[in-house]
Amino acid sequence: MKTAILKKTRTRTETVGRVDEQIYRVGIAVVGACSLAIGVWATIALVSGMAASGGPGALIADWFRAVIGS
């Protein structure tokens, strides 16, 4: 009796995983850049608001007046 040995070869492609990883990295970079831009914009707006109102104390007082409505 003869025994036949069959050899199966499996191939795997890693390019899909690498493309997904690159898309993930680009997405994280875009979210980070947008967050940075929003943070810089908010800081500039706060500083210009303080300059326009006469300082931090006046800014806080004007903010409370705007919220209360007086």
PDB file of N, CA and C in Angstrom:
ATOM      1  N   MET A   1       0.843  -1.164   0.000  1.00  0.00           N
ATOM      2  CA  MET A   1       0.000   0.000   0.000  1.00  0.00           C
ATOM      3  C   MET A   1       0.894   1.235   0.000  1.00  0.00           C
ATOM      4  N   LYS A   2       0.568   2.154  -0.881  1.00  0.00           N
ATOM      5  CA  LYS A   2       1.332   3.394  -0.980  1.00  0.00           C
ATOM      6  C   LYS A   2       0.543   4.512  -0.309  1.00  0.00           C
ATOM      7  N   THR A   3       1.272   5.360   0.409  1.00  0.00           N
ATOM      8  CA  THR A   3       0.645   6.505   1.069  1.00  0.00           C
ATOM      9  C   THR A   3       1.049   7.770   0.324  1.00  0.00           C
ATOM     10  N   ALA A   4       0.082   8.512  -0.092  1.00  0.00           N
ATOM     11  CA  ALA A   4       0.350   9.764  -0.791  1.00  0.00           C
ATOM     12  C   ALA A   4       0.298  10.914   0.216  1.00  0.00           C
ATOM     13  N   ILE A   5       1.307  11.728   0.163  1.00  0.00           N
ATOM     14  CA  ILE A   5       1.370  12.901   1.050  1.00  0.00           C
ATOM     15  C   ILE A   5       1.069  14.133   0.209  1.00  0.00           C
ATOM     16  N   LEU A   6       0.041  14.828   0.601  1.00  0.00           N
ATOM     17  CA  LEU A   6      -0.339  16.056  -0.093  1.00  0.00           C
ATOM     18  C   LEU A   6       0.164  17.250   0.694  1.00  0.00           C
ATOM     19  N   LYS A   7       0.753  18.147   0.002  1.00  0.00           N
ATOM     20  CA  LYS A   7       1.284  19.341   0.649  1.00  0.00           C
ATOM     21  C   LYS A   7       0.411  20.524   0.248  1.00  0.00           C
ATOM     22  N   LYS A   8      -0.162  21.176   1.229  1.00  0.00           N
ATOM     23  CA  LYS A   8      -0.995  22.344   0.957  1.00  0.00           C
ATOM     24  C   LYS A   8      -0.194  23.603   1.276  1.00  0.00           C
ATOM     25  N   THR A   9      -0.268  24.525   0.381  1.00  0.00           N
ATOM     26  CA  THR A   9       0.443  25.783   0.568  1.00  0.00           C
ATOM     27  C   THR A   9      -0.589  26.884   0.748  1.00  0.00           C
ATOM     28  N   ARG A  10      -0.418  27.648   1.774  1.00  0.00           N
ATOM     29  CA  ARG A  10      -1.307  28.780   2.036  1.00  0.00           C
ATOM     30  C   ARG A  10      -0.503  30.064   1.916  1.00  0.00           C
ATOM     31  N   THR A  11      -1.087  31.003   1.245  1.00  0.00           N
ATOM     32  CA  THR A  11      -0.440  32.305   1.119  1.00  0.00           C
ATOM     33  C   THR A  11      -1.297  33.347   1.820  1.00  0.00           C
ATOM     34  N   ARG A  12      -0.640  34.340   2.303  1.00  0.00           N
ATOM     35  CA  ARG A  12      -1.337  35.402   3.020  1.00  0.00           C
ATOM     36  C   ARG A  12      -0.779  36.740   2.566  1.00  0.00           C
ATOM     37  N   THR A  13      -1.668  37.674   2.336  1.00  0.00           N
ATOM     38  CA  THR A  13      -1.254  39.005   1.889  1.00  0.00           C
ATOM     39  C   THR A  13      -1.391  39.976   3.057  1.00  0.00           C
ATOM     40  N   GLU A  14      -0.321  40.686   3.345  1.00  0.00           N
ATOM     41  CA  GLU A  14      -0.297  41.615   4.469  1.00  0.00           C
ATOM     42  C   GLU A  14      -0.566  43.052   4.043  1.00  0.00           C
ATOM     43  N   THR A  15      -0.765  43.288   2.756  1.00  0.00           N
ATOM     44  CA  THR A  15      -0.930  44.668   2.307  1.00  0.00           C
ATOM     45  C   THR A  15      -2.218  45.289   2.830  1.00  0.00           C
ATOM     46  N   VAL A  16      -3.260  44.493   3.003  1.00  0.00           N
ATOM     47  CA  VAL A  16      -4.523  45.031   3.497  1.00  0.00           C
ATOM     48  C   VAL A  16      -4.341  45.574   4.911  1.00  0.00           C
ATOM     49  N   GLY A  17      -3.639  44.851   5.764  1.00  0.00           N
ATOM     50  CA  GLY A  17      -3.386  45.312   7.120  1.00  0.00           C
ATOM     51  C   GLY A  17      -2.560  46.584   7.145  1.00  0.00           C
ATOM     52  N   ARG A  18      -1.603  46.669   6.264  1.00  0.00           N
ATOM     53  CA  ARG A  18      -0.760  47.862   6.233  1.00  0.00           C
ATOM     54  C   ARG A  18      -1.526  49.070   5.711  1.00  0.00           C
ATOM     55  N   VAL A  19      -2.397  48.854   4.744  1.00  0.00           N
ATOM     56  CA  VAL A  19      -3.210  49.960   4.240  1.00  0.00           C
ATOM     57  C   VAL A  19      -4.152  50.446   5.338  1.00  0.00           C
ATOM     58  N   ASP A  20      -4.766  49.510   6.057  1.00  0.00           N
ATOM     59  CA  ASP A  20      -5.636  49.891   7.165  1.00  0.00           C
ATOM     60  C   ASP A  20      -4.862  50.679   8.219  1.00  0.00           C
ATOM     61  N   GLU A  21      -3.642  50.240   8.487  1.00  0.00           N
ATOM     62  CA  GLU A  21      -2.820  50.938   9.482  1.00  0.00           C
ATOM     63  C   GLU A  21      -2.484  52.351   9.015  1.00  0.00           C
ATOM     64  N   GLN A  22      -2.192  52.521   7.751  1.00  0.00           N
ATOM     65  CA  GLN A  22      -1.886  53.848   7.219  1.00  0.00           C
ATOM     66  C   GLN A  22      -3.114  54.755   7.268  1.00  0.00           C
ATOM     67  N   ILE A  23      -4.278  54.198   6.937  1.00  0.00           N
ATOM     68  CA  ILE A  23      -5.511  54.986   7.012  1.00  0.00           C
ATOM     69  C   ILE A  23      -5.766  55.411   8.449  1.00  0.00           C
ATOM     70  N   TYR A  24      -5.526  54.506   9.392  1.00  0.00           N
ATOM     71  CA  TYR A  24      -5.694  54.812  10.815  1.00  0.00           C
ATOM     72  C   TYR A  24      -4.750  55.931  11.232  1.00  0.00           C
ATOM     73  N   ARG A  25      -3.510  55.851  10.816  1.00  0.00           N
ATOM     74  CA  ARG A  25      -2.529  56.882  11.181  1.00  0.00           C
ATOM     75  C   ARG A  25      -2.881  58.238  10.583  1.00  0.00           C
ATOM     76  N   VAL A  26      -3.334  58.246   9.335  1.00  0.00           N
ATOM     77  CA  VAL A  26      -3.722  59.501   8.702  1.00  0.00           C
ATOM     78  C   VAL A  26      -4.937  60.089   9.418  1.00  0.00           C
ATOM     79  N   GLY A  27      -5.885  59.231   9.788  1.00  0.00           N
ATOM     80  CA  GLY A  27      -7.063  59.708  10.520  1.00  0.00           C
ATOM     81  C   GLY A  27      -6.691  60.329  11.851  1.00  0.00           C
ATOM     82  N   ILE A  28      -5.796  59.683  12.574  1.00  0.00           N
ATOM     83  CA  ILE A  28      -5.340  60.222  13.860  1.00  0.00           C
ATOM     84  C   ILE A  28      -4.632  61.562  13.650  1.00  0.00           C
ATOM     85  N   ALA A  29      -3.827  61.663  12.597  1.00  0.00           N
ATOM     86  CA  ALA A  29      -3.116  62.911  12.323  1.00  0.00           C
ATOM     87  C   ALA A  29      -4.095  64.037  11.978  1.00  0.00           C
ATOM     88  N   VAL A  30      -5.128  63.722  11.216  1.00  0.00           N
ATOM     89  CA  VAL A  30      -6.119  64.737  10.841  1.00  0.00           C
ATOM     90  C   VAL A  30      -6.885  65.215  12.065  1.00  0.00           C
ATOM     91  N   VAL A  31      -7.300  64.276  12.917  1.00  0.00           N
ATOM     92  CA  VAL A  31      -8.017  64.652  14.137  1.00  0.00           C
ATOM     93  C   VAL A  31      -7.117  65.488  15.044  1.00  0.00           C
ATOM     94  N   GLY A  32      -5.858  65.114  15.157  1.00  0.00           N
ATOM     95  CA  GLY A  32      -4.919  65.878  15.974  1.00  0.00           C
ATOM     96  C   GLY A  32      -4.689  67.276  15.435  1.00  0.00           C
ATOM     97  N   ALA A  33      -4.560  67.400  14.118  1.00  0.00           N
ATOM     98  CA  ALA A  33      -4.354  68.723  13.513  1.00  0.00           C
ATOM     99  C   ALA A  33      -5.579  69.607  13.704  1.00  0.00           C
ATOM    100  N   CYS A  34      -6.759  69.038  13.553  1.00  0.00           N
ATOM    101  CA  CYS A  34      -7.985  69.820  13.769  1.00  0.00           C
ATOM    102  C   CYS A  34      -8.104  70.251  15.230  1.00  0.00           C
ATOM    103  N   SER A  35      -7.785  69.368  16.144  1.00  0.00           N
ATOM    104  CA  SER A  35      -7.833  69.720  17.567  1.00  0.00           C
ATOM    105  C   SER A  35      -6.839  70.832  17.891  1.00  0.00           C
ATOM    106  N   LEU A  36      -5.668  70.746  17.318  1.00  0.00           N
ATOM    107  CA  LEU A  36      -4.667  71.789  17.532  1.00  0.00           C
ATOM    108  C   LEU A  36      -5.149  73.129  16.984  1.00  0.00           C
ATOM    109  N   ALA A  37      -5.736  73.116  15.789  1.00  0.00           N
ATOM    110  CA  ALA A  37      -6.231  74.353  15.188  1.00  0.00           C
ATOM    111  C   ALA A  37      -7.349  74.963  16.039  1.00  0.00           C
ATOM    112  N   ILE A  38      -8.245  74.141  16.551  1.00  0.00           N
ATOM    113  CA  ILE A  38      -9.334  74.646  17.399  1.00  0.00           C
ATOM    114  C   ILE A  38      -8.772  75.211  18.704  1.00  0.00           C
ATOM    115  N   GLY A  39      -7.785  74.542  19.280  1.00  0.00           N
ATOM    116  CA  GLY A  39      -7.167  75.032  20.512  1.00  0.00           C
ATOM    117  C   GLY A  39      -6.455  76.357  20.318  1.00  0.00           C
ATOM    118  N   VAL A  40      -5.743  76.489  19.211  1.00  0.00           N
ATOM    119  CA  VAL A  40      -5.057  77.755  18.925  1.00  0.00           C
ATOM    120  C   VAL A  40      -6.079  78.865  18.702  1.00  0.00           C
ATOM    121  N   TRP A  41      -7.136  78.560  17.953  1.00  0.00           N
ATOM    122  CA  TRP A  41      -8.185  79.552  17.707  1.00  0.00           C
ATOM    123  C   TRP A  41      -8.839  79.996  19.023  1.00  0.00           C
ATOM    124  N   ALA A  42      -9.131  79.047  19.920  1.00  0.00           N
ATOM    125  CA  ALA A  42      -9.763  79.387  21.191  1.00  0.00           C
ATOM    126  C   ALA A  42      -8.842  80.247  22.047  1.00  0.00           C
ATOM    127  N   THR A  43      -7.560  79.941  22.051  1.00  0.00           N
ATOM    128  CA  THR A  43      -6.607  80.739  22.821  1.00  0.00           C
ATOM    129  C   THR A  43      -6.512  82.161  22.278  1.00  0.00           C
ATOM    130  N   ILE A  44      -6.458  82.284  20.969  1.00  0.00           N
ATOM    131  CA  ILE A  44      -6.406  83.622  20.361  1.00  0.00           C
ATOM    132  C   ILE A  44      -7.678  84.406  20.676  1.00  0.00           C
ATOM    133  N   ALA A  45      -8.831  83.733  20.609  1.00  0.00           N
ATOM    134  CA  ALA A  45     -10.095  84.408  20.912  1.00  0.00           C
ATOM    135  C   ALA A  45     -10.145  84.858  22.371  1.00  0.00           C
ATOM    136  N   LEU A  46      -9.658  84.040  23.287  1.00  0.00           N
ATOM    137  CA  LEU A  46      -9.656  84.403  24.704  1.00  0.00           C
ATOM    138  C   LEU A  46      -8.727  85.583  24.968  1.00  0.00           C
ATOM    139  N   VAL A  47      -7.554  85.543  24.391  1.00  0.00           N
ATOM    140  CA  VAL A  47      -6.597  86.633  24.602  1.00  0.00           C
ATOM    141  C   VAL A  47      -7.117  87.928  23.983  1.00  0.00           C
ATOM    142  N   SER A  48      -7.707  87.861  22.788  1.00  0.00           N
ATOM    143  CA  SER A  48      -8.234  89.090  22.180  1.00  0.00           C
ATOM    144  C   SER A  48      -9.448  89.606  22.943  1.00  0.00           C
ATOM    145  N   GLY A  49     -10.237  88.710  23.519  1.00  0.00           N
ATOM    146  CA  GLY A  49     -11.350  89.146  24.361  1.00  0.00           C
ATOM    147  C   GLY A  49     -10.873  89.846  25.615  1.00  0.00           C
ATOM    148  N   MET A  50      -9.804  89.335  26.204  1.00  0.00           N
ATOM    149  CA  MET A  50      -9.241  89.997  27.389  1.00  0.00           C
ATOM    150  C   MET A  50      -8.671  91.364  27.028  1.00  0.00           C
ATOM    151  N   ALA A  51      -8.022  91.441  25.874  1.00  0.00           N
ATOM    152  CA  ALA A  51      -7.454  92.722  25.463  1.00  0.00           C
ATOM    153  C   ALA A  51      -8.545  93.742  25.170  1.00  0.00           C
ATOM    154  N   ALA A  52      -9.632  93.311  24.566  1.00  0.00           N
ATOM    155  CA  ALA A  52     -10.713  94.233  24.209  1.00  0.00           C
ATOM    156  C   ALA A  52     -11.498  94.696  25.428  1.00  0.00           C
ATOM    157  N   SER A  53     -11.583  93.852  26.459  1.00  0.00           N
ATOM    158  CA  SER A  53     -12.400  94.218  27.620  1.00  0.00           C
ATOM    159  C   SER A  53     -11.607  94.936  28.703  1.00  0.00           C
ATOM    160  N   GLY A  54     -10.308  94.942  28.613  1.00  0.00           N
ATOM    161  CA  GLY A  54      -9.516  95.679  29.590  1.00  0.00           C
ATOM    162  C   GLY A  54      -8.805  94.803  30.603  1.00  0.00           C
ATOM    163  N   GLY A  55      -8.709  93.529  30.387  1.00  0.00           N
ATOM    164  CA  GLY A  55      -7.989  92.639  31.289  1.00  0.00           C
ATOM    165  C   GLY A  55      -8.837  91.457  31.713  1.00  0.00           C
ATOM    166  N   PRO A  56      -8.247  90.539  32.480  1.00  0.00           N
ATOM    167  CA  PRO A  56      -8.971  89.336  32.874  1.00  0.00           C
ATOM    168  C   PRO A  56     -10.161  89.612  33.786  1.00  0.00           C
ATOM    169  N   GLY A  57     -10.020  90.553  34.713  1.00  0.00           N
ATOM    170  CA  GLY A  57     -11.122  90.872  35.629  1.00  0.00           C
ATOM    171  C   GLY A  57     -12.312  91.457  34.898  1.00  0.00           C
ATOM    172  N   ALA A  58     -12.026  92.379  33.984  1.00  0.00           N
ATOM    173  CA  ALA A  58     -13.104  92.983  33.199  1.00  0.00           C
ATOM    174  C   ALA A  58     -13.751  91.957  32.273  1.00  0.00           C
ATOM    175  N   LEU A  59     -12.953  91.028  31.748  1.00  0.00           N
ATOM    176  CA  LEU A  59     -13.510  89.978  30.890  1.00  0.00           C
ATOM    177  C   LEU A  59     -14.482  89.101  31.662  1.00  0.00           C
ATOM    178  N   ILE A  60     -14.107  88.712  32.869  1.00  0.00           N
ATOM    179  CA  ILE A  60     -14.990  87.874  33.692  1.00  0.00           C
ATOM    180  C   ILE A  60     -16.259  88.627  34.059  1.00  0.00           C
ATOM    181  N   ALA A  61     -16.114  89.896  34.429  1.00  0.00           N
ATOM    182  CA  ALA A  61     -17.285  90.701  34.781  1.00  0.00           C
ATOM    183  C   ALA A  61     -18.212  90.874  33.580  1.00  0.00           C
ATOM    184  N   ASP A  62     -17.643  91.140  32.410  1.00  0.00           N
ATOM    185  CA  ASP A  62     -18.466  91.286  31.199  1.00  0.00           C
ATOM    186  C   ASP A  62     -19.138  89.966  30.833  1.00  0.00           C
ATOM    187  N   TRP A  63     -18.465  88.840  31.062  1.00  0.00           N
ATOM    188  CA  TRP A  63     -19.058  87.535  30.765  1.00  0.00           C
ATOM    189  C   TRP A  63     -20.269  87.294  31.658  1.00  0.00           C
ATOM    190  N   PHE A  64     -20.118  87.584  32.953  1.00  0.00           N
ATOM    191  CA  PHE A  64     -21.258  87.406  33.860  1.00  0.00           C
ATOM    192  C   PHE A  64     -22.405  88.353  33.488  1.00  0.00           C
ATOM    193  N   ARG A  65     -22.104  89.572  33.095  1.00  0.00           N
ATOM    194  CA  ARG A  65     -23.168  90.491  32.659  1.00  0.00           C
ATOM    195  C   ARG A  65     -23.884  89.957  31.423  1.00  0.00           C
ATOM    196  N   ALA A  66     -23.134  89.357  30.508  1.00  0.00           N
ATOM    197  CA  ALA A  66     -23.750  88.806  29.281  1.00  0.00           C
ATOM    198  C   ALA A  66     -24.602  87.588  29.597  1.00  0.00           C
ATOM    199  N   VAL A  67     -24.158  86.746  30.530  1.00  0.00           N
ATOM    200  CA  VAL A  67     -24.921  85.542  30.877  1.00  0.00           C
ATOM    201  C   VAL A  67     -26.177  85.908  31.655  1.00  0.00           C
ATOM    202  N   ILE A  68     -26.044  86.824  32.606  1.00  0.00           N
ATOM    203  CA  ILE A  68     -27.184  87.220  33.430  1.00  0.00           C
ATOM    204  C   ILE A  68     -28.149  88.061  32.616  1.00  0.00           C
ATOM    205  N   GLY A  69     -27.640  88.862  31.702  1.00  0.00           N
ATOM    206  CA  GLY A  69     -28.491  89.671  30.848  1.00  0.00           C
ATOM    207  C   GLY A  69     -28.667  91.094  31.338  1.00  0.00           C
ATOM    208  N   SER A  70     -27.789  91.556  32.169  1.00  0.00           N
ATOM    209  CA  SER A  70     -27.937  92.942  32.656  1.00  0.00           C
ATOM    210  C   SER A  70     -27.083  93.885  31.852  1.00  0.00           C
TER     211      SER A  70
END
